[in-house]
Protein backbone atom coordinates (compact mmCIF):
# COMPACT_ATOMS: atom_id res chain seq x y z
CA UNK A 1 -77.91 88.31 15.99
CA UNK A 2 -75.53 87.01 18.92
CA UNK A 3 -76.25 85.39 22.02
CA UNK A 4 -74.15 84.49 25.05
CA UNK A 5 -74.11 81.60 27.18
CA UNK A 6 -72.49 81.66 30.81
CA UNK A 7 -72.14 78.01 31.57
CA UNK A 8 -71.49 75.25 29.66
CA UNK A 9 -72.77 72.68 31.60
CA UNK A 10 -75.80 70.11 31.04
CA UNK A 11 -78.43 73.34 30.57
CA UNK A 12 -76.02 75.60 28.99
CA UNK A 13 -74.96 73.04 25.97
CA UNK A 14 -78.24 71.61 25.54
CA UNK A 15 -79.59 75.44 25.43
CA UNK A 16 -77.10 76.18 22.82
CA UNK A 17 -77.66 72.92 20.74
CA UNK A 18 -81.45 73.69 20.59
CA UNK A 19 -80.61 77.13 19.46
CA UNK A 20 -78.97 75.71 16.56
CA UNK A 21 -81.64 73.16 15.60
CA UNK A 22 -84.17 76.05 15.59
CA UNK A 23 -81.68 78.48 14.02
CA UNK A 24 -82.94 81.13 16.25
CA UNK A 25 -79.34 83.08 16.40
CA UNK A 26 -76.44 83.59 14.03
CA UNK A 27 -73.89 83.63 16.31
CA UNK A 28 -73.54 81.70 20.35
CA UNK A 29 -70.50 82.50 22.45
CA UNK A 30 -69.92 79.83 25.11
CA UNK A 31 -68.15 81.00 28.31
CA UNK A 32 -67.38 78.85 31.36
CA UNK A 33 -64.55 78.47 33.98
CA UNK A 34 -64.12 75.49 32.43
CA UNK A 35 -62.51 76.60 28.94
CA UNK A 36 -61.78 72.87 27.98
CA UNK A 37 -65.43 71.47 28.90
CA UNK A 38 -66.41 75.07 26.78
CA UNK A 39 -64.39 74.26 24.00
CA UNK A 40 -65.53 70.82 23.63
CA UNK A 41 -69.19 71.23 23.88
CA UNK A 42 -68.76 74.15 21.20
CA UNK A 43 -66.68 71.93 18.87
CA UNK A 44 -69.49 68.99 19.44
CA UNK A 45 -72.29 71.36 18.62
CA UNK A 46 -70.32 72.87 15.76
CA UNK A 47 -70.32 69.50 13.89
CA UNK A 48 -74.35 69.59 14.33
CA UNK A 49 -74.48 72.90 12.14
CA UNK A 50 -74.51 71.12 8.85
CA UNK A 51 -77.51 69.20 9.56
CA UNK A 52 -79.30 72.61 11.00
CA UNK A 53 -78.95 76.16 10.46
CA UNK A 54 -75.52 78.17 9.80
CA UNK A 55 -74.79 79.29 13.56
CA UNK A 56 -71.16 80.42 14.26
CA UNK A 57 -70.08 78.70 17.80
CA UNK A 58 -67.28 79.79 19.49
CA UNK A 59 -65.80 80.38 23.31
CA UNK A 60 -64.41 83.08 24.78
CA UNK A 61 -64.51 85.31 28.29
CA UNK A 62 -66.53 88.16 29.25
CA UNK A 63 -65.17 90.47 26.69
CA UNK A 64 -66.35 88.25 23.94
CA UNK A 65 -70.03 88.97 24.94
CA UNK A 66 -69.94 92.39 23.60
CA UNK A 67 -72.54 92.73 20.82
CA UNK A 68 -74.66 89.96 22.27
CA UNK A 69 -78.72 90.62 22.09
CA UNK A 70 -79.44 88.01 24.91
CA UNK A 71 -76.65 86.49 27.63
CA UNK A 72 -78.27 83.22 29.12
CA UNK A 73 -76.92 82.54 32.44
CA UNK A 74 -77.01 78.82 33.37
CA UNK A 75 -73.73 78.77 35.54
CA UNK A 76 -73.97 77.85 39.24
CA UNK A 77 -73.97 74.45 41.44
CA UNK A 78 -76.12 71.83 40.49
CA UNK A 79 -79.48 70.63 42.30
CA UNK A 80 -78.59 67.56 44.37
CA UNK A 81 -80.89 64.44 44.29
CA UNK A 82 -83.49 65.38 46.99
CA UNK A 83 -82.57 68.93 47.36
CA UNK A 84 -85.04 71.85 46.90
CA UNK A 85 -84.34 74.72 44.36
CA UNK A 86 -84.54 77.39 47.55
CA UNK A 87 -81.44 74.94 49.41
CA UNK A 88 -79.29 76.17 46.64
CA UNK A 89 -79.74 79.78 46.99
CA UNK A 90 -76.79 80.56 49.06
CA UNK A 91 -74.32 78.97 47.09
CA UNK A 92 -75.47 80.31 43.50
CA UNK A 93 -76.13 84.00 45.02
CA UNK A 94 -72.60 83.92 45.63
CA UNK A 95 -71.69 83.01 42.34
CA UNK A 96 -74.25 85.62 40.67
CA UNK A 97 -72.67 88.33 42.52
CA UNK A 98 -69.22 87.71 40.84
CA UNK A 99 -70.85 86.94 37.09
CA UNK A 100 -73.80 89.21 36.63
CA UNK A 101 -71.24 92.50 36.96
CA UNK A 102 -68.93 91.27 34.36
CA UNK A 103 -71.62 89.98 31.98
CA UNK A 104 -73.33 94.02 32.50
CA UNK A 105 -69.74 95.35 31.82
CA UNK A 106 -69.16 93.58 28.91
CA UNK A 107 -72.54 93.31 27.08
CA UNK A 108 -74.61 96.34 28.70
CA UNK A 109 -77.23 96.39 25.98
CA UNK A 110 -78.10 92.82 26.35
CA UNK A 111 -81.15 91.42 27.99
CA UNK A 112 -80.31 89.11 30.78
CA UNK A 113 -81.92 85.39 30.99
CA UNK A 114 -81.66 83.59 34.30
CA UNK A 115 -81.94 79.76 34.42
CA UNK A 116 -79.95 79.33 37.55
CA UNK A 117 -81.89 77.79 40.53
CA UNK A 118 -83.48 78.84 42.06
CA UNK A 119 -84.75 81.10 39.44
CA UNK A 120 -87.00 83.21 41.15
CA UNK A 121 -84.66 84.83 43.79
CA UNK A 122 -81.90 84.84 41.37
CA UNK A 123 -83.71 86.60 38.76
CA UNK A 124 -84.59 89.39 41.79
CA UNK A 125 -80.99 89.38 43.13
CA UNK A 126 -79.68 90.10 39.35
CA UNK A 127 -82.19 93.05 38.87
CA UNK A 128 -81.08 94.61 41.99
CA UNK A 129 -77.29 94.17 40.47
CA UNK A 130 -78.43 95.73 37.35
CA UNK A 131 -80.08 98.60 39.02
CA UNK A 132 -76.87 99.59 40.32
CA UNK A 133 -75.89 99.79 36.83
CA UNK A 134 -78.97 101.95 35.72
CA UNK A 135 -80.24 98.87 33.57
CA UNK A 136 -83.95 98.83 33.75
CA UNK A 137 -85.82 95.72 35.46
CA UNK A 138 -87.49 94.73 32.10
CA UNK A 139 -84.22 93.56 30.82
CA UNK A 140 -83.88 90.88 33.43
CA UNK A 141 -85.94 87.90 32.81
CA UNK A 142 -86.11 84.51 34.50
CA UNK A 143 -87.05 81.45 32.82
CA UNK A 144 -89.58 81.03 35.90
CA UNK A 145 -92.07 78.16 35.29
CA UNK A 146 -91.87 78.17 31.38
CA UNK A 147 -91.12 74.78 31.56
CA UNK A 148 -93.51 73.76 34.43
CA UNK A 149 -96.41 75.38 31.99
CA UNK A 150 -95.26 73.11 29.41
CA UNK A 151 -95.30 70.23 31.14
CA UNK A 152 -98.86 71.13 32.37
CA UNK A 153 -100.05 71.54 29.24
CA UNK A 154 -98.66 68.29 27.67
CA UNK A 155 -99.78 66.28 30.58
CA UNK A 156 -103.54 67.70 30.13
CA UNK A 157 -103.53 67.44 26.42
CA UNK A 158 -102.45 64.00 26.54
CA UNK A 159 -105.26 63.07 29.34
CA UNK A 160 -107.72 64.90 27.06
CA UNK A 161 -106.56 63.52 23.56
CA UNK A 162 -105.74 66.94 22.70
CA UNK A 163 -102.81 68.77 21.02
CA UNK A 164 -100.98 70.53 23.74
CA UNK A 165 -100.85 74.09 21.63
CA UNK A 166 -104.91 73.85 21.92
CA UNK A 167 -104.30 73.83 25.81
CA UNK A 168 -104.25 76.98 27.35
CA UNK A 169 -102.92 76.75 31.24
CA UNK A 170 -100.35 78.64 33.46
CA UNK A 171 -98.29 77.67 36.39
CA UNK A 172 -97.80 80.67 38.45
CA UNK A 173 -95.72 81.69 41.34
CA UNK A 174 -92.37 80.00 42.32
CA UNK A 175 -90.66 77.62 40.37
CA UNK A 176 -90.87 75.19 43.26
CA UNK A 177 -92.79 73.32 45.56
CA UNK A 178 -95.48 75.88 46.05
CA UNK A 179 -95.92 76.68 42.54
CA UNK A 180 -99.57 76.93 41.30
CA UNK A 181 -101.72 75.31 38.73
CA UNK A 182 -104.33 77.53 37.40
CA UNK A 183 -107.18 75.21 36.60
CA UNK A 184 -109.74 77.98 36.65
CA UNK A 185 -108.23 79.85 33.80
CA UNK A 186 -107.47 76.68 31.63
CA UNK A 187 -109.35 76.70 28.24
CA UNK A 188 -109.33 74.00 25.28
CA UNK A 189 -109.62 75.75 22.24
CA UNK A 190 -111.20 78.70 23.79
CA UNK A 191 -113.84 76.56 25.72
CA UNK A 192 -113.22 76.48 29.58
CA UNK A 193 -111.89 73.20 30.99
CA UNK A 194 -115.27 72.13 32.71
CA UNK A 195 -117.37 72.87 29.67
CA UNK A 196 -114.98 70.93 27.44
CA UNK A 197 -115.06 67.80 29.97
CA UNK A 198 -118.77 68.03 30.00
CA UNK A 199 -119.15 67.83 26.55
CA UNK A 200 -116.67 65.09 25.97
CA UNK A 201 -117.47 63.29 28.80
CA UNK A 202 -114.24 63.39 30.18
CA UNK A 203 -113.29 63.11 34.27
CA UNK A 204 -110.94 65.91 35.47
CA UNK A 205 -111.76 65.46 39.09
CA UNK A 206 -109.83 66.28 41.74
CA UNK A 207 -107.42 62.94 41.61
CA UNK A 208 -106.86 63.47 37.97
CA UNK A 209 -105.78 67.29 39.09
CA UNK A 210 -103.72 66.13 41.79
CA UNK A 211 -101.89 63.53 39.82
CA UNK A 212 -101.36 65.93 36.79
CA UNK A 213 -99.89 68.30 39.22
CA UNK A 214 -97.75 65.75 41.24
CA UNK A 215 -95.95 64.61 37.68
CA UNK A 216 -95.39 68.00 37.07
CA UNK A 217 -93.74 68.93 40.45
CA UNK A 218 -91.75 65.95 40.74
CA UNK A 219 -90.60 65.81 37.27
CA UNK A 220 -87.07 67.70 37.94
CA UNK A 221 -86.28 65.32 40.65
CA UNK A 222 -87.41 62.31 38.81
CA UNK A 223 -85.16 63.29 35.87
CA UNK A 224 -82.24 64.22 38.39
CA UNK A 225 -82.29 60.69 40.35
CA UNK A 226 -82.29 59.03 36.82
CA UNK A 227 -79.56 60.82 34.90
CA UNK A 228 -78.07 63.60 37.51
CA UNK A 229 -79.54 66.67 35.79
CA UNK A 230 -82.44 68.35 33.97
CA UNK A 231 -81.15 69.90 30.26
CA UNK A 232 -83.44 69.27 27.18
CA UNK A 233 -86.56 70.76 28.63
CA UNK A 234 -85.08 73.75 30.19
CA UNK A 235 -82.69 74.31 27.06
CA UNK A 236 -85.94 74.14 24.90
CA UNK A 237 -87.81 76.67 27.09
CA UNK A 238 -85.08 78.86 26.79
CA UNK A 239 -84.62 78.65 23.31
CA UNK A 240 -88.04 79.61 23.12
CA UNK A 241 -87.90 82.83 24.92
CA UNK A 242 -84.49 83.83 23.14
CA UNK A 243 -86.62 83.23 19.91
CA UNK A 244 -89.41 85.60 21.18
CA UNK A 245 -86.83 88.52 22.50
CA UNK A 246 -84.74 88.27 19.08
CA UNK A 247 -87.71 88.02 16.70
CA UNK A 248 -89.96 90.73 19.11
CA UNK A 249 -92.93 87.96 18.82
CA UNK A 250 -94.84 89.35 21.59
CA UNK A 251 -95.59 86.02 23.14
CA UNK A 252 -97.15 85.90 26.22
CA UNK A 253 -94.75 83.30 28.84
CA UNK A 254 -94.80 82.30 32.31
CA UNK A 255 -91.47 84.01 33.10
CA UNK A 256 -90.68 85.97 35.96
CA UNK A 257 -89.21 89.63 36.71
CA UNK A 258 -89.74 91.76 39.51
CA UNK A 259 -93.23 92.98 39.87
CA UNK A 260 -94.36 96.07 42.50
CA UNK A 261 -97.29 93.76 44.05
CA UNK A 262 -98.61 89.85 43.39
CA UNK A 263 -101.70 88.97 45.38
CA UNK A 264 -100.71 91.53 48.37
CA UNK A 265 -97.02 90.78 48.45
CA UNK A 266 -94.74 94.02 47.00
CA UNK A 267 -91.76 93.98 45.05
CA UNK A 268 -91.04 90.35 44.37
CA UNK A 269 -90.26 87.91 41.59
CA UNK A 270 -92.69 85.20 40.60
CA UNK A 271 -93.91 83.72 37.31
CA UNK A 272 -96.90 85.36 35.75
CA UNK A 273 -97.94 85.36 32.22
CA UNK A 274 -95.51 88.22 30.74
CA UNK A 275 -95.86 89.88 27.30
CA UNK A 276 -92.21 89.10 26.05
CA UNK A 277 -90.85 90.84 22.87
CA UNK A 278 -87.72 92.45 21.45
CA UNK A 279 -87.30 94.89 24.53
CA UNK A 280 -87.65 92.30 27.23
CA UNK A 281 -90.65 92.38 29.37
CA UNK A 282 -93.19 94.55 27.82
CA UNK A 283 -96.12 94.28 30.18
CA UNK A 284 -97.55 92.07 32.93
CA UNK A 285 -101.11 90.14 33.21
CA UNK A 286 -101.92 90.64 36.67
CA UNK A 287 -104.17 87.38 37.32
CA UNK A 288 -105.54 87.84 41.02
CA UNK A 289 -108.97 89.16 40.13
CA UNK A 290 -109.19 86.44 37.48
CA UNK A 291 -108.04 83.50 39.92
CA UNK A 292 -110.13 81.51 42.61
CA UNK A 293 -109.96 82.41 46.01
CA UNK A 294 -108.14 79.61 46.81
CA UNK A 295 -105.58 80.04 43.75
CA UNK A 296 -105.42 83.60 44.91
CA UNK A 297 -104.30 82.40 48.60
CA UNK A 298 -102.05 80.25 47.13
CA UNK A 299 -100.00 82.82 44.97
CA UNK A 300 -99.75 85.07 47.92
CA UNK A 301 -98.16 82.57 50.00
CA UNK A 302 -95.91 81.32 46.78
CA UNK A 303 -94.95 84.98 46.71
CA UNK A 304 -93.92 85.23 50.18
CA UNK A 305 -91.96 81.90 50.13
CA UNK A 306 -89.72 83.67 47.25
CA UNK A 307 -89.61 87.13 49.01
CA UNK A 308 -88.81 85.70 52.24
CA UNK A 309 -86.09 83.44 50.79
CA UNK A 310 -84.61 86.82 49.00
CA UNK A 311 -84.66 88.69 52.34
CA UNK A 312 -82.50 86.11 53.90
CA UNK A 313 -79.98 87.05 51.52
CA UNK A 314 -80.20 90.53 52.85
CA UNK A 315 -79.63 89.43 56.76
């Protein structure tokens, strides 16, 4: 099983390393305009192979992507301290208009996994480009709020004293400032959050919830201020998505892909729980009827933020 990674910077390299550590693929190809950097990362990761799983690591150009089951796009300009993801849009959109056609030409059967920010808008842009090549939108996936959801579950689990895998909670909408924390849907081992907290006498009042939300929303900026970029968390999230695809695990992930309607906003790409498998996006769980009124309104507003940003590219 072959995976391509476009961009050998911090995110691309961390993703390749995580794939090796988990033994998800048998071959990885790194593609980057900085060929020296790509080769150095490939060599460094290769030296970790004897301690993990037998994965072949190589570098190349777009033709070497032939035969990839998944191509991950991490290339683009980095987010600067204090800069929002949407402020990155015009610079990274121009890069994607060059990259995506070359990837499709080289690996037409591959599922495209987008990580570059703003990921919602760039995933929608990639899907529109793919349309021109008769590539179905179900084969275009953005990492969306996969990492935000993991952060939400980890912090809530820490507060409750419960292992995070038993915390079922979603971050929805934009991967950014307008993202929604679906508190009304949270369950702990199948028990609704409020009932669980009553049983165990744990406080999850507005102050606790606001604190958790702030820590999730501020995680990226805090890390960027401290070390310049995020890498390990998103690399692990991307590896999990790749694993689900390559092993056809049919998992529910809060990735993003174009959806006909989200809370009344048409043809938009935001994160929702999607059923993901070997063919890409298999189905979408549309949640507005299950959300509270305020959460549905927030989801609508978040979807409109992304739609407006995308339409700004077309003007």
